[in-house]
Amino acid sequence: MTAINATEGGEVHAEENGRMVVTVEDTEDKMASEQIMDMHNIPGVLSVTLTYHHFEPSGADATASQPL
């Protein structure tokens, strides 16, 4: 849990019986998908599963997709 909270963009929200609910966000240096793959290398981690993905366009992408 400490290793995930120490990772920029990663945050543990709940933990019970060895299972955790974690959010991971893109950072300037690393995409969330890369951070998720890195979590497989944390000692004691047996499995990491993406169960929900949310994406919001930002900047020019957000305004370009808005209806007029």
C-alpha atoms as a PDB file:
ATOM      1  CA  MET A   1       0.000   0.000   0.000  1.00  0.00           C
ATOM      2  CA  THR A   2       2.833   2.392   0.857  1.00  0.00           C
ATOM      3  CA  ALA A   3       4.512   1.800  -2.522  1.00  0.00           C
ATOM      4  CA  ILE A   4       1.313   2.669  -4.398  1.00  0.00           C
ATOM      5  CA  ASN A   5       0.613   5.803  -2.355  1.00  0.00           C
ATOM      6  CA  ALA A   6       4.228   6.895  -2.882  1.00  0.00           C
ATOM      7  CA  THR A   7       3.767   6.675  -6.651  1.00  0.00           C
ATOM      8  CA  GLU A   8       2.796   9.937  -8.310  1.00  0.00           C
ATOM      9  CA  GLY A   9      -0.667   9.428  -9.791  1.00  0.00           C
ATOM     10  CA  GLY A  10      -1.496   6.389  -7.620  1.00  0.00           C
ATOM     11  CA  GLU A  11      -3.766   6.391  -4.575  1.00  0.00           C
ATOM     12  CA  VAL A  12      -5.177   3.589  -2.412  1.00  0.00           C
ATOM     13  CA  HIS A  13      -8.798   4.294  -1.436  1.00  0.00           C
ATOM     14  CA  ALA A  14      -9.685   1.089   0.420  1.00  0.00           C
ATOM     15  CA  GLU A  15      -8.006  -2.090   1.631  1.00  0.00           C
ATOM     16  CA  GLU A  16      -9.576  -5.241   3.041  1.00  0.00           C
ATOM     17  CA  ASN A  17      -8.228  -8.787   3.351  1.00  0.00           C
ATOM     18  CA  GLY A  18      -5.234  -7.978   1.151  1.00  0.00           C
ATOM     19  CA  ARG A  19      -7.319  -6.481  -1.660  1.00  0.00           C
ATOM     20  CA  MET A  20      -7.162  -2.802  -2.559  1.00  0.00           C
ATOM     21  CA  VAL A  21      -9.147  -0.238  -4.471  1.00  0.00           C
ATOM     22  CA  VAL A  22      -6.668   2.023  -6.254  1.00  0.00           C
ATOM     23  CA  THR A  23      -6.979   4.921  -8.658  1.00  0.00           C
ATOM     24  CA  VAL A  24      -4.196   5.666 -11.107  1.00  0.00           C
ATOM     25  CA  GLU A  25      -3.960   8.833 -13.190  1.00  0.00           C
ATOM     26  CA  ASP A  26      -1.608   9.843 -15.973  1.00  0.00           C
ATOM     27  CA  THR A  27       1.268  12.073 -14.896  1.00  0.00           C
ATOM     28  CA  GLU A  28       3.613  14.202 -16.971  1.00  0.00           C
ATOM     29  CA  ASP A  29       6.225  11.422 -16.856  1.00  0.00           C
ATOM     30  CA  LYS A  30       4.152   8.255 -17.120  1.00  0.00           C
ATOM     31  CA  MET A  31       0.823   7.075 -18.474  1.00  0.00           C
ATOM     32  CA  ALA A  32      -1.567   5.287 -16.118  1.00  0.00           C
ATOM     33  CA  SER A  33      -1.206   2.084 -18.147  1.00  0.00           C
ATOM     34  CA  GLU A  34       2.558   2.118 -17.516  1.00  0.00           C
ATOM     35  CA  GLN A  35       2.008   2.665 -13.799  1.00  0.00           C
ATOM     36  CA  ILE A  36      -0.411  -0.277 -13.685  1.00  0.00           C
ATOM     37  CA  MET A  37       2.196  -2.498 -15.345  1.00  0.00           C
ATOM     38  CA  ASP A  38       4.810  -1.283 -12.815  1.00  0.00           C
ATOM     39  CA  MET A  39       2.516  -2.344  -9.952  1.00  0.00           C
ATOM     40  CA  HIS A  40       3.048  -5.969 -10.991  1.00  0.00           C
ATOM     41  CA  ASN A  41       6.667  -5.553  -9.807  1.00  0.00           C
ATOM     42  CA  ILE A  42       5.800  -4.399  -6.271  1.00  0.00           C
ATOM     43  CA  PRO A  43       6.822  -7.116  -3.782  1.00  0.00           C
ATOM     44  CA  GLY A  44       3.748  -8.937  -2.478  1.00  0.00           C
ATOM     45  CA  VAL A  45       1.503  -7.966  -5.399  1.00  0.00           C
ATOM     46  CA  LEU A  46       0.046 -11.102  -6.959  1.00  0.00           C
ATOM     47  CA  SER A  47      -2.296  -9.547  -9.506  1.00  0.00           C
ATOM     48  CA  VAL A  48      -3.383  -6.154 -10.824  1.00  0.00           C
ATOM     49  CA  THR A  49      -6.660  -5.912 -12.717  1.00  0.00           C
ATOM     50  CA  LEU A  50      -8.117  -2.879 -14.463  1.00  0.00           C
ATOM     51  CA  THR A  51     -11.830  -2.900 -13.695  1.00  0.00           C
ATOM     52  CA  TYR A  52     -12.878   0.578 -14.779  1.00  0.00           C
ATOM     53  CA  HIS A  53     -11.426   3.162 -17.148  1.00  0.00           C
ATOM     54  CA  HIS A  54     -12.592   6.766 -17.439  1.00  0.00           C
ATOM     55  CA  PHE A  55     -11.234   9.220 -19.965  1.00  0.00           C
ATOM     56  CA  GLU A  56     -12.017  12.909 -20.349  1.00  0.00           C
ATOM     57  CA  PRO A  57     -10.580  14.887 -23.234  1.00  0.00           C
ATOM     58  CA  SER A  58      -8.607  17.957 -22.237  1.00  0.00           C
ATOM     59  CA  GLY A  59      -7.491  21.164 -23.886  1.00  0.00           C
ATOM     60  CA  ALA A  60      -8.153  21.434 -27.617  1.00  0.00           C
ATOM     61  CA  ASP A  61      -9.638  17.922 -27.702  1.00  0.00           C
ATOM     62  CA  ALA A  62     -12.362  18.920 -25.228  1.00  0.00           C
ATOM     63  CA  THR A  63     -13.441  21.995 -27.138  1.00  0.00           C
ATOM     64  CA  ALA A  64     -13.239  20.297 -30.542  1.00  0.00           C
ATOM     65  CA  SER A  65     -15.764  17.633 -29.523  1.00  0.00           C
ATOM     66  CA  GLN A  66     -18.297  20.097 -28.124  1.00  0.00           C
ATOM     67  CA  PRO A  67     -21.446  20.607 -30.265  1.00  0.00           C
ATOM     68  CA  LEU A  68     -21.935  24.130 -31.560  1.00  0.00           C
END
